[in-house]
């Protein structure tokens, strides 16, 4: 049995038929207050009616291009807001476009902004996107349990977690504990805009 703070997360590694079949489950979950986060990996165009059931859509620049019908070179600082707003117009409540060394761009009904990445020595990027998604999702649930939601705070925390992850070799060994995230402090990346 799910509590009101329950959330579901998936990616598109599952066969598309399963994801499409899951639309009914999404609809029922939506009606029952269950939040849904889609980490669109690998990027697969989905029907526009699917988006209205998403509480969170997390995509990188390449996936944002595919899912918004653009060429990859059309996804840049000048188009992040437009792309995020297109997803919001389709019904997504929160959109995050991850930008690797440039950080992340977020948008929801309360506004949008860019969050810079942290300047760290990169050893291995394996797992950075999944770790970002997990950190953003868990921070959402923590905030929701307290009756609040600040997307910027969640994205900043997720950027920290991704930065900490890429400082280590291997996906699992790099995932930090919550207290390590709280103590993490690094300058923002020069690659950030």
C-alpha atoms as a PDB file:
ATOM      1  CA  UNK A   1       0.000   0.000   0.000  1.00  0.00           C
ATOM      2  CA  UNK A   2       1.413   3.396  -0.951  1.00  0.00           C
ATOM      3  CA  UNK A   3       1.294   6.424   1.287  1.00  0.00           C
ATOM      4  CA  UNK A   4       0.632   9.916  -0.106  1.00  0.00           C
ATOM      5  CA  UNK A   5       4.407  10.428  -0.160  1.00  0.00           C
ATOM      6  CA  UNK A   6       4.806   7.438  -2.445  1.00  0.00           C
ATOM      7  CA  UNK A   7       6.503   7.932  -5.766  1.00  0.00           C
ATOM      8  CA  UNK A   8       7.440   5.767  -8.659  1.00  0.00           C
ATOM      9  CA  UNK A   9      10.481   6.105 -10.891  1.00  0.00           C
ATOM     10  CA  UNK A  10      11.308   4.443 -14.152  1.00  0.00           C
ATOM     11  CA  UNK A  11      13.435   4.846 -17.197  1.00  0.00           C
ATOM     12  CA  UNK A  12      12.929   3.741 -20.771  1.00  0.00           C
ATOM     13  CA  UNK A  13      15.286   0.769 -20.593  1.00  0.00           C
ATOM     14  CA  UNK A  14      12.088  -1.265 -20.338  1.00  0.00           C
ATOM     15  CA  UNK A  15      10.494  -2.269 -23.655  1.00  0.00           C
ATOM     16  CA  UNK A  16       8.378   0.614 -24.946  1.00  0.00           C
ATOM     17  CA  UNK A  17       5.320  -1.656 -24.980  1.00  0.00           C
ATOM     18  CA  UNK A  18       5.642  -2.051 -21.213  1.00  0.00           C
ATOM     19  CA  UNK A  19       6.027   1.686 -20.723  1.00  0.00           C
ATOM     20  CA  UNK A  20       2.982   2.376 -22.897  1.00  0.00           C
ATOM     21  CA  UNK A  21       1.005  -0.287 -21.016  1.00  0.00           C
ATOM     22  CA  UNK A  22       2.104   1.460 -17.848  1.00  0.00           C
ATOM     23  CA  UNK A  23       0.222   4.565 -18.994  1.00  0.00           C
ATOM     24  CA  UNK A  24      -2.939   3.091 -17.487  1.00  0.00           C
ATOM     25  CA  UNK A  25      -1.094   2.535 -14.246  1.00  0.00           C
ATOM     26  CA  UNK A  26       0.215   6.099 -14.425  1.00  0.00           C
ATOM     27  CA  UNK A  27      -3.283   7.417 -14.883  1.00  0.00           C
ATOM     28  CA  UNK A  28      -4.561   5.444 -11.911  1.00  0.00           C
ATOM     29  CA  UNK A  29      -1.537   6.497  -9.861  1.00  0.00           C
ATOM     30  CA  UNK A  30      -2.116  10.113 -10.848  1.00  0.00           C
ATOM     31  CA  UNK A  31      -5.729   9.869  -9.682  1.00  0.00           C
ATOM     32  CA  UNK A  32      -4.555   8.426  -6.359  1.00  0.00           C
ATOM     33  CA  UNK A  33      -1.833  10.992  -5.655  1.00  0.00           C
ATOM     34  CA  UNK A  34       1.164   8.847  -6.570  1.00  0.00           C
ATOM     35  CA  UNK A  35       3.937  10.932  -8.077  1.00  0.00           C
ATOM     36  CA  UNK A  36       5.898   9.639 -11.070  1.00  0.00           C
ATOM     37  CA  UNK A  37       9.440  10.497 -12.156  1.00  0.00           C
ATOM     38  CA  UNK A  38      10.607   9.557 -15.645  1.00  0.00           C
ATOM     39  CA  UNK A  39      14.321   9.473 -16.339  1.00  0.00           C
ATOM     40  CA  UNK A  40      14.024   9.233 -20.109  1.00  0.00           C
ATOM     41  CA  UNK A  41      16.887   6.862 -20.817  1.00  0.00           C
ATOM     42  CA  UNK A  42      17.324   5.796 -23.462  1.00  0.00           C
ATOM     43  CA  UNK A  43      15.464   8.600 -25.150  1.00  0.00           C
ATOM     44  CA  UNK A  44      12.364   7.429 -26.919  1.00  0.00           C
ATOM     45  CA  UNK A  45       9.654   9.731 -28.205  1.00  0.00           C
ATOM     46  CA  UNK A  46       6.465   9.081 -26.248  1.00  0.00           C
ATOM     47  CA  UNK A  47       2.893  10.149 -26.929  1.00  0.00           C
ATOM     48  CA  UNK A  48       2.028  13.666 -25.826  1.00  0.00           C
ATOM     49  CA  UNK A  49      -0.839  12.366 -23.672  1.00  0.00           C
ATOM     50  CA  UNK A  50       1.741  10.497 -21.544  1.00  0.00           C
ATOM     51  CA  UNK A  51       3.331  13.676 -20.175  1.00  0.00           C
ATOM     52  CA  UNK A  52       0.357  14.856 -18.132  1.00  0.00           C
ATOM     53  CA  UNK A  53       0.902  11.957 -15.734  1.00  0.00           C
ATOM     54  CA  UNK A  54       4.528  12.898 -14.983  1.00  0.00           C
ATOM     55  CA  UNK A  55       5.414  14.714 -11.811  1.00  0.00           C
ATOM     56  CA  UNK A  56       9.053  14.871 -12.907  1.00  0.00           C
ATOM     57  CA  UNK A  57      10.772  14.524 -16.269  1.00  0.00           C
ATOM     58  CA  UNK A  58      14.572  14.333 -16.190  1.00  0.00           C
ATOM     59  CA  UNK A  59      16.470  14.354 -19.481  1.00  0.00           C
ATOM     60  CA  UNK A  60      19.964  15.199 -20.631  1.00  0.00           C
ATOM     61  CA  UNK A  61      20.529  17.439 -23.660  1.00  0.00           C
ATOM     62  CA  UNK A  62      20.518  14.582 -26.179  1.00  0.00           C
ATOM     63  CA  UNK A  63      17.325  13.135 -24.756  1.00  0.00           C
ATOM     64  CA  UNK A  64      15.719  16.575 -24.646  1.00  0.00           C
ATOM     65  CA  UNK A  65      16.481  16.898 -28.365  1.00  0.00           C
ATOM     66  CA  UNK A  66      14.922  13.553 -29.247  1.00  0.00           C
ATOM     67  CA  UNK A  67      11.851  13.983 -27.069  1.00  0.00           C
ATOM     68  CA  UNK A  68      11.224  17.548 -28.230  1.00  0.00           C
ATOM     69  CA  UNK A  69      11.784  16.755 -31.922  1.00  0.00           C
ATOM     70  CA  UNK A  70      14.955  18.830 -32.291  1.00  0.00           C
ATOM     71  CA  UNK A  71      18.421  18.202 -33.605  1.00  0.00           C
ATOM     72  CA  UNK A  72      21.015  17.860 -30.825  1.00  0.00           C
ATOM     73  CA  UNK A  73      22.747  21.107 -31.804  1.00  0.00           C
ATOM     74  CA  UNK A  74      19.451  22.970 -31.287  1.00  0.00           C
ATOM     75  CA  UNK A  75      19.536  22.192 -27.556  1.00  0.00           C
ATOM     76  CA  UNK A  76      21.607  24.917 -25.967  1.00  0.00           C
ATOM     77  CA  UNK A  77      21.475  27.741 -23.446  1.00  0.00           C
ATOM     78  CA  UNK A  78      19.127  29.679 -25.723  1.00  0.00           C
ATOM     79  CA  UNK A  79      16.601  26.829 -26.020  1.00  0.00           C
ATOM     80  CA  UNK A  80      16.590  25.176 -22.561  1.00  0.00           C
ATOM     81  CA  UNK A  81      13.717  27.335 -21.308  1.00  0.00           C
ATOM     82  CA  UNK A  82      11.674  26.837 -24.488  1.00  0.00           C
ATOM     83  CA  UNK A  83      12.108  23.065 -24.380  1.00  0.00           C
ATOM     84  CA  UNK A  84      11.281  22.859 -20.665  1.00  0.00           C
ATOM     85  CA  UNK A  85       8.177  24.994 -21.203  1.00  0.00           C
ATOM     86  CA  UNK A  86       7.036  22.710 -24.031  1.00  0.00           C
ATOM     87  CA  UNK A  87       7.157  19.764 -21.624  1.00  0.00           C
ATOM     88  CA  UNK A  88       5.341  21.816 -18.972  1.00  0.00           C
ATOM     89  CA  UNK A  89       2.685  22.706 -21.552  1.00  0.00           C
ATOM     90  CA  UNK A  90       2.199  18.980 -22.177  1.00  0.00           C
ATOM     91  CA  UNK A  91       1.406  18.544 -18.477  1.00  0.00           C
ATOM     92  CA  UNK A  92       4.712  17.662 -16.807  1.00  0.00           C
ATOM     93  CA  UNK A  93       4.888  19.364 -13.417  1.00  0.00           C
ATOM     94  CA  UNK A  94       8.692  19.559 -13.031  1.00  0.00           C
ATOM     95  CA  UNK A  95      11.326  19.400 -15.781  1.00  0.00           C
ATOM     96  CA  UNK A  96      15.077  19.033 -15.332  1.00  0.00           C
ATOM     97  CA  UNK A  97      17.536  19.063 -18.232  1.00  0.00           C
ATOM     98  CA  UNK A  98      20.920  17.808 -17.074  1.00  0.00           C
ATOM     99  CA  UNK A  99      23.858  19.506 -18.765  1.00  0.00           C
ATOM    100  CA  UNK A 100      26.926  17.512 -17.653  1.00  0.00           C
ATOM    101  CA  UNK A 101      29.774  19.945 -16.863  1.00  0.00           C
ATOM    102  CA  UNK A 102      27.382  22.898 -17.263  1.00  0.00           C
ATOM    103  CA  UNK A 103      25.073  21.773 -14.441  1.00  0.00           C
ATOM    104  CA  UNK A 104      21.316  21.529 -14.909  1.00  0.00           C
ATOM    105  CA  UNK A 105      18.351  23.611 -16.008  1.00  0.00           C
ATOM    106  CA  UNK A 106      15.038  23.234 -14.185  1.00  0.00           C
ATOM    107  CA  UNK A 107      11.506  24.519 -14.699  1.00  0.00           C
ATOM    108  CA  UNK A 108       8.070  24.242 -13.146  1.00  0.00           C
ATOM    109  CA  UNK A 109       5.034  26.480 -12.648  1.00  0.00           C
ATOM    110  CA  UNK A 110       6.977  28.558 -10.103  1.00  0.00           C
ATOM    111  CA  UNK A 111       9.786  29.444 -12.515  1.00  0.00           C
ATOM    112  CA  UNK A 112      12.958  28.233 -14.132  1.00  0.00           C
ATOM    113  CA  UNK A 113      16.705  28.693 -13.785  1.00  0.00           C
ATOM    114  CA  UNK A 114      20.127  27.234 -14.418  1.00  0.00           C
ATOM    115  CA  UNK A 115      22.140  25.629 -11.594  1.00  0.00           C
ATOM    116  CA  UNK A 116      25.889  25.488 -12.148  1.00  0.00           C
ATOM    117  CA  UNK A 117      27.867  22.284 -11.847  1.00  0.00           C
ATOM    118  CA  UNK A 118      30.637  21.846  -9.318  1.00  0.00           C
ATOM    119  CA  UNK A 119      34.288  21.959 -10.354  1.00  0.00           C
ATOM    120  CA  UNK A 120      35.703  18.566  -9.459  1.00  0.00           C
ATOM    121  CA  UNK A 121      38.319  16.228 -10.883  1.00  0.00           C
ATOM    122  CA  UNK A 122      36.448  13.750 -13.063  1.00  0.00           C
ATOM    123  CA  UNK A 123      37.567  10.116 -12.754  1.00  0.00           C
ATOM    124  CA  UNK A 124      34.523   8.282 -14.121  1.00  0.00           C
ATOM    125  CA  UNK A 125      31.127   9.560 -15.278  1.00  0.00           C
ATOM    126  CA  UNK A 126      29.466   6.138 -15.019  1.00  0.00           C
ATOM    127  CA  UNK A 127      26.279   6.434 -13.006  1.00  0.00           C
ATOM    128  CA  UNK A 128      26.256  10.226 -12.759  1.00  0.00           C
ATOM    129  CA  UNK A 129      22.873  10.608 -14.458  1.00  0.00           C
ATOM    130  CA  UNK A 130      21.213   7.842 -12.473  1.00  0.00           C
ATOM    131  CA  UNK A 131      22.681   9.184  -9.257  1.00  0.00           C
ATOM    132  CA  UNK A 132      21.430  12.688 -10.130  1.00  0.00           C
ATOM    133  CA  UNK A 133      17.940  11.277 -10.724  1.00  0.00           C
ATOM    134  CA  UNK A 134      17.969   9.323  -7.473  1.00  0.00           C
ATOM    135  CA  UNK A 135      19.146  12.335  -5.461  1.00  0.00           C
ATOM    136  CA  UNK A 136      16.595  14.654  -7.043  1.00  0.00           C
ATOM    137  CA  UNK A 137      13.788  12.125  -6.475  1.00  0.00           C
ATOM    138  CA  UNK A 138      14.721  11.394  -2.876  1.00  0.00           C
ATOM    139  CA  UNK A 139      15.024  15.106  -2.091  1.00  0.00           C
ATOM    140  CA  UNK A 140      11.555  15.628  -3.571  1.00  0.00           C
ATOM    141  CA  UNK A 141      10.148  12.942  -1.268  1.00  0.00           C
ATOM    142  CA  UNK A 142      11.949  14.417   1.759  1.00  0.00           C
ATOM    143  CA  UNK A 143      10.561  17.845   0.997  1.00  0.00           C
ATOM    144  CA  UNK A 144       7.076  16.536   0.212  1.00  0.00           C
ATOM    145  CA  UNK A 145       6.948  14.750   3.586  1.00  0.00           C
ATOM    146  CA  UNK A 146       7.529  18.177   5.167  1.00  0.00           C
ATOM    147  CA  UNK A 147       4.813  19.782   3.020  1.00  0.00           C
ATOM    148  CA  UNK A 148       7.208  21.795   0.861  1.00  0.00           C
ATOM    149  CA  UNK A 149       8.749  21.662  -2.612  1.00  0.00           C
ATOM    150  CA  UNK A 150      11.704  23.730  -3.783  1.00  0.00           C
ATOM    151  CA  UNK A 151      12.926  22.344  -7.109  1.00  0.00           C
ATOM    152  CA  UNK A 152      16.067  24.492  -7.030  1.00  0.00           C
ATOM    153  CA  UNK A 153      17.142  22.968  -3.724  1.00  0.00           C
ATOM    154  CA  UNK A 154      16.624  19.457  -5.121  1.00  0.00           C
ATOM    155  CA  UNK A 155      18.598  20.228  -8.287  1.00  0.00           C
ATOM    156  CA  UNK A 156      21.472  21.795  -6.333  1.00  0.00           C
ATOM    157  CA  UNK A 157      21.617  18.692  -4.120  1.00  0.00           C
ATOM    158  CA  UNK A 158      21.449  16.390  -7.153  1.00  0.00           C
ATOM    159  CA  UNK A 159      24.304  18.360  -8.780  1.00  0.00           C
ATOM    160  CA  UNK A 160      26.354  17.812  -5.620  1.00  0.00           C
ATOM    161  CA  UNK A 161      25.659  14.077  -5.679  1.00  0.00           C
ATOM    162  CA  UNK A 162      26.558  13.789  -9.371  1.00  0.00           C
ATOM    163  CA  UNK A 163      29.791  15.721  -8.763  1.00  0.00           C
ATOM    164  CA  UNK A 164      30.708  13.445  -5.875  1.00  0.00           C
ATOM    165  CA  UNK A 165      29.915  10.369  -7.964  1.00  0.00           C
ATOM    166  CA  UNK A 166      32.210  11.314 -10.848  1.00  0.00           C
ATOM    167  CA  UNK A 167      35.123  11.864  -8.475  1.00  0.00           C
ATOM    168  CA  UNK A 168      35.346   8.066  -8.010  1.00  0.00           C
ATOM    169  CA  UNK A 169      35.808   5.033 -10.236  1.00  0.00           C
ATOM    170  CA  UNK A 170      32.695   2.914 -10.698  1.00  0.00           C
ATOM    171  CA  UNK A 171      29.022   3.641 -10.408  1.00  0.00           C
ATOM    172  CA  UNK A 172      28.250   2.215  -6.968  1.00  0.00           C
ATOM    173  CA  UNK A 173      31.441   3.158  -5.155  1.00  0.00           C
ATOM    174  CA  UNK A 174      30.941   6.798  -6.038  1.00  0.00           C
ATOM    175  CA  UNK A 175      27.427   7.174  -4.631  1.00  0.00           C
ATOM    176  CA  UNK A 176      27.690   9.294  -1.476  1.00  0.00           C
ATOM    177  CA  UNK A 177      25.824   8.933   1.810  1.00  0.00           C
ATOM    178  CA  UNK A 178      23.468  11.718   2.879  1.00  0.00           C
ATOM    179  CA  UNK A 179      25.859  13.120   5.508  1.00  0.00           C
ATOM    180  CA  UNK A 180      28.634  13.240   2.903  1.00  0.00           C
ATOM    181  CA  UNK A 181      26.349  15.259   0.603  1.00  0.00           C
ATOM    182  CA  UNK A 182      25.593  17.682   3.416  1.00  0.00           C
ATOM    183  CA  UNK A 183      29.328  18.239   4.014  1.00  0.00           C
ATOM    184  CA  UNK A 184      30.303  18.489   0.329  1.00  0.00           C
ATOM    185  CA  UNK A 185      31.727  21.820  -0.712  1.00  0.00           C
ATOM    186  CA  UNK A 186      33.417  22.574  -4.013  1.00  0.00           C
ATOM    187  CA  UNK A 187      33.648  25.618  -6.275  1.00  0.00           C
ATOM    188  CA  UNK A 188      31.337  25.849  -9.256  1.00  0.00           C
ATOM    189  CA  UNK A 189      32.747  24.627 -12.536  1.00  0.00           C
ATOM    190  CA  UNK A 190      34.336  27.017 -14.986  1.00  0.00           C
ATOM    191  CA  UNK A 191      32.446  25.120 -17.691  1.00  0.00           C
ATOM    192  CA  UNK A 192      29.192  26.402 -16.193  1.00  0.00           C
ATOM    193  CA  UNK A 193      27.599  29.264 -18.059  1.00  0.00           C
END
